[in-house]
């Protein structure tokens, strides 16, 4: 079973930046489609950004131009660089691994991001 461990969350002021990291166990990380999701208080879990094994990316409209997803296959790690953070970005952020055909692989345990003055 693939384990995903997120880190990098915390408290930041509006306009600030954070970088989330997610490290995956196993030896076939490079074939996974990786994604970041988030769940704000009282809301459903929504997709934030995805990156395929080939490096193609996709973003939710609400984060386009502010967030950047990337991956380092040598380190089994996917990143989410978050800039120009807004209070509405406050949520628990989850790392997700899947297969290109849509098959589920694993969820991480989540990391809290709080944007507040």
C-alpha atoms as a PDB file:
ATOM      1  CA  UNK A   1       0.000   0.000   0.000  1.00  0.00           C
ATOM      2  CA  UNK A   2       1.281   3.431  -0.950  1.00  0.00           C
ATOM      3  CA  UNK A   3       1.608   5.862   1.916  1.00  0.00           C
ATOM      4  CA  UNK A   4       1.471   9.614   1.373  1.00  0.00           C
ATOM      5  CA  UNK A   5       2.823  12.017   3.984  1.00  0.00           C
ATOM      6  CA  UNK A   6       2.126  15.747   3.664  1.00  0.00           C
ATOM      7  CA  UNK A   7       4.016  18.564   5.337  1.00  0.00           C
ATOM      8  CA  UNK A   8       4.415  22.310   5.084  1.00  0.00           C
ATOM      9  CA  UNK A   9       1.069  23.559   6.344  1.00  0.00           C
ATOM     10  CA  UNK A  10       0.714  26.302   8.906  1.00  0.00           C
ATOM     11  CA  UNK A  11      -0.539  29.792   9.660  1.00  0.00           C
ATOM     12  CA  UNK A  12       0.221  32.561   7.183  1.00  0.00           C
ATOM     13  CA  UNK A  13      -0.990  36.114   6.685  1.00  0.00           C
ATOM     14  CA  UNK A  14      -3.036  37.080   3.627  1.00  0.00           C
ATOM     15  CA  UNK A  15      -0.743  37.679   0.678  1.00  0.00           C
ATOM     16  CA  UNK A  16       1.847  35.267   2.036  1.00  0.00           C
ATOM     17  CA  UNK A  17       3.209  32.007   0.667  1.00  0.00           C
ATOM     18  CA  UNK A  18       3.521  28.399   1.718  1.00  0.00           C
ATOM     19  CA  UNK A  19       4.912  25.297   0.029  1.00  0.00           C
ATOM     20  CA  UNK A  20       3.310  21.952   0.721  1.00  0.00           C
ATOM     21  CA  UNK A  21       5.178  18.706   0.171  1.00  0.00           C
ATOM     22  CA  UNK A  22       3.900  15.160  -0.155  1.00  0.00           C
ATOM     23  CA  UNK A  23       6.272  12.210  -0.043  1.00  0.00           C
ATOM     24  CA  UNK A  24       5.107   8.844  -1.361  1.00  0.00           C
ATOM     25  CA  UNK A  25       6.388   5.420  -0.392  1.00  0.00           C
ATOM     26  CA  UNK A  26       7.166   2.777  -2.977  1.00  0.00           C
ATOM     27  CA  UNK A  27       9.141   2.614  -6.175  1.00  0.00           C
ATOM     28  CA  UNK A  28       6.636   3.455  -8.907  1.00  0.00           C
ATOM     29  CA  UNK A  29       5.771   7.039  -7.939  1.00  0.00           C
ATOM     30  CA  UNK A  30       6.665   8.194 -11.427  1.00  0.00           C
ATOM     31  CA  UNK A  31       3.624   6.499 -12.990  1.00  0.00           C
ATOM     32  CA  UNK A  32       1.068   8.101 -10.673  1.00  0.00           C
ATOM     33  CA  UNK A  33      -1.118  11.064 -11.389  1.00  0.00           C
ATOM     34  CA  UNK A  34      -0.729  13.219  -8.289  1.00  0.00           C
ATOM     35  CA  UNK A  35      -3.117  15.829  -6.983  1.00  0.00           C
ATOM     36  CA  UNK A  36      -3.846  18.209  -4.169  1.00  0.00           C
ATOM     37  CA  UNK A  37      -7.350  18.553  -2.775  1.00  0.00           C
ATOM     38  CA  UNK A  38      -8.655  20.696   0.034  1.00  0.00           C
ATOM     39  CA  UNK A  39     -11.594  20.718   2.404  1.00  0.00           C
ATOM     40  CA  UNK A  40     -12.639  24.000   3.942  1.00  0.00           C
ATOM     41  CA  UNK A  41     -14.723  23.989   7.143  1.00  0.00           C
ATOM     42  CA  UNK A  42     -18.261  22.901   6.398  1.00  0.00           C
ATOM     43  CA  UNK A  43     -17.550  22.209   2.723  1.00  0.00           C
ATOM     44  CA  UNK A  44     -16.834  19.211   0.534  1.00  0.00           C
ATOM     45  CA  UNK A  45     -13.351  18.199  -0.532  1.00  0.00           C
ATOM     46  CA  UNK A  46     -12.448  19.895  -3.829  1.00  0.00           C
ATOM     47  CA  UNK A  47      -9.628  19.431  -6.321  1.00  0.00           C
ATOM     48  CA  UNK A  48      -6.980  22.149  -6.212  1.00  0.00           C
ATOM     49  CA  UNK A  49      -4.371  20.965  -8.721  1.00  0.00           C
ATOM     50  CA  UNK A  50      -3.281  17.837 -10.567  1.00  0.00           C
ATOM     51  CA  UNK A  51      -0.115  16.722 -12.318  1.00  0.00           C
ATOM     52  CA  UNK A  52       0.148  13.668 -14.551  1.00  0.00           C
ATOM     53  CA  UNK A  53       3.073  11.291 -14.878  1.00  0.00           C
ATOM     54  CA  UNK A  54       4.043  13.236 -17.980  1.00  0.00           C
ATOM     55  CA  UNK A  55       3.986  16.569 -16.157  1.00  0.00           C
ATOM     56  CA  UNK A  56       0.722  18.011 -17.487  1.00  0.00           C
ATOM     57  CA  UNK A  57      -1.005  20.197 -14.925  1.00  0.00           C
ATOM     58  CA  UNK A  58      -4.531  21.338 -14.214  1.00  0.00           C
ATOM     59  CA  UNK A  59      -5.821  23.840 -11.665  1.00  0.00           C
ATOM     60  CA  UNK A  60      -9.068  24.869 -10.076  1.00  0.00           C
ATOM     61  CA  UNK A  61     -10.155  28.292 -11.335  1.00  0.00           C
ATOM     62  CA  UNK A  62      -9.912  29.707  -7.826  1.00  0.00           C
ATOM     63  CA  UNK A  63      -6.152  29.086  -7.611  1.00  0.00           C
ATOM     64  CA  UNK A  64      -4.987  29.643 -11.201  1.00  0.00           C
ATOM     65  CA  UNK A  65      -2.085  32.050 -11.345  1.00  0.00           C
ATOM     66  CA  UNK A  66      -1.424  31.736  -7.600  1.00  0.00           C
ATOM     67  CA  UNK A  67      -0.664  28.042  -6.996  1.00  0.00           C
ATOM     68  CA  UNK A  68       1.855  25.827  -8.778  1.00  0.00           C
ATOM     69  CA  UNK A  69       1.988  22.042  -8.608  1.00  0.00           C
ATOM     70  CA  UNK A  70       5.220  20.231  -9.420  1.00  0.00           C
ATOM     71  CA  UNK A  71       6.836  16.870  -8.869  1.00  0.00           C
ATOM     72  CA  UNK A  72      10.287  15.401  -8.342  1.00  0.00           C
ATOM     73  CA  UNK A  73      10.194  11.738  -9.298  1.00  0.00           C
ATOM     74  CA  UNK A  74      13.704  11.155  -7.958  1.00  0.00           C
ATOM     75  CA  UNK A  75      12.442  12.157  -4.502  1.00  0.00           C
ATOM     76  CA  UNK A  76       8.967  10.587  -4.769  1.00  0.00           C
ATOM     77  CA  UNK A  77       7.602  14.023  -3.924  1.00  0.00           C
ATOM     78  CA  UNK A  78       4.891  16.324  -5.195  1.00  0.00           C
ATOM     79  CA  UNK A  79       4.776  19.984  -4.212  1.00  0.00           C
ATOM     80  CA  UNK A  80       2.178  22.723  -4.073  1.00  0.00           C
ATOM     81  CA  UNK A  81       3.605  26.234  -4.089  1.00  0.00           C
ATOM     82  CA  UNK A  82       0.931  28.598  -2.836  1.00  0.00           C
ATOM     83  CA  UNK A  83       1.418  32.339  -3.347  1.00  0.00           C
ATOM     84  CA  UNK A  84      -0.824  35.347  -2.770  1.00  0.00           C
ATOM     85  CA  UNK A  85      -2.778  33.363  -0.224  1.00  0.00           C
ATOM     86  CA  UNK A  86      -6.278  34.486   0.708  1.00  0.00           C
ATOM     87  CA  UNK A  87      -8.397  33.737   3.780  1.00  0.00           C
ATOM     88  CA  UNK A  88     -10.644  31.598   1.578  1.00  0.00           C
ATOM     89  CA  UNK A  89      -7.688  29.276   0.959  1.00  0.00           C
ATOM     90  CA  UNK A  90      -7.962  28.162   4.577  1.00  0.00           C
ATOM     91  CA  UNK A  91      -8.561  24.397   4.547  1.00  0.00           C
ATOM     92  CA  UNK A  92      -7.087  21.008   5.210  1.00  0.00           C
ATOM     93  CA  UNK A  93      -5.007  20.103   2.166  1.00  0.00           C
ATOM     94  CA  UNK A  94      -4.775  16.480   1.089  1.00  0.00           C
ATOM     95  CA  UNK A  95      -2.360  14.752  -1.231  1.00  0.00           C
ATOM     96  CA  UNK A  96      -3.803  12.163  -3.631  1.00  0.00           C
ATOM     97  CA  UNK A  97      -2.214   9.506  -5.833  1.00  0.00           C
ATOM     98  CA  UNK A  98      -4.053   7.845  -8.677  1.00  0.00           C
ATOM     99  CA  UNK A  99      -3.597   6.025 -11.951  1.00  0.00           C
ATOM    100  CA  UNK A 100      -3.969   7.569 -15.393  1.00  0.00           C
ATOM    101  CA  UNK A 101      -7.102   5.520 -16.032  1.00  0.00           C
ATOM    102  CA  UNK A 102      -8.743   6.955 -12.934  1.00  0.00           C
ATOM    103  CA  UNK A 103      -7.944   4.215 -10.466  1.00  0.00           C
ATOM    104  CA  UNK A 104      -7.496   5.173  -6.817  1.00  0.00           C
ATOM    105  CA  UNK A 105      -4.171   4.575  -5.119  1.00  0.00           C
ATOM    106  CA  UNK A 106      -3.982   6.536  -1.872  1.00  0.00           C
ATOM    107  CA  UNK A 107      -4.838   9.637   0.169  1.00  0.00           C
ATOM    108  CA  UNK A 108      -2.570  11.428   2.600  1.00  0.00           C
ATOM    109  CA  UNK A 109      -3.657  12.353   6.116  1.00  0.00           C
ATOM    110  CA  UNK A 110      -3.956  16.066   5.381  1.00  0.00           C
ATOM    111  CA  UNK A 111      -2.182  19.229   6.504  1.00  0.00           C
ATOM    112  CA  UNK A 112      -3.873  22.353   7.830  1.00  0.00           C
ATOM    113  CA  UNK A 113      -3.397  25.678   6.069  1.00  0.00           C
ATOM    114  CA  UNK A 114      -4.779  28.753   7.794  1.00  0.00           C
ATOM    115  CA  UNK A 115      -4.671  32.174   6.163  1.00  0.00           C
ATOM    116  CA  UNK A 116      -5.443  34.881   8.679  1.00  0.00           C
ATOM    117  CA  UNK A 117      -4.224  38.249   9.845  1.00  0.00           C
END
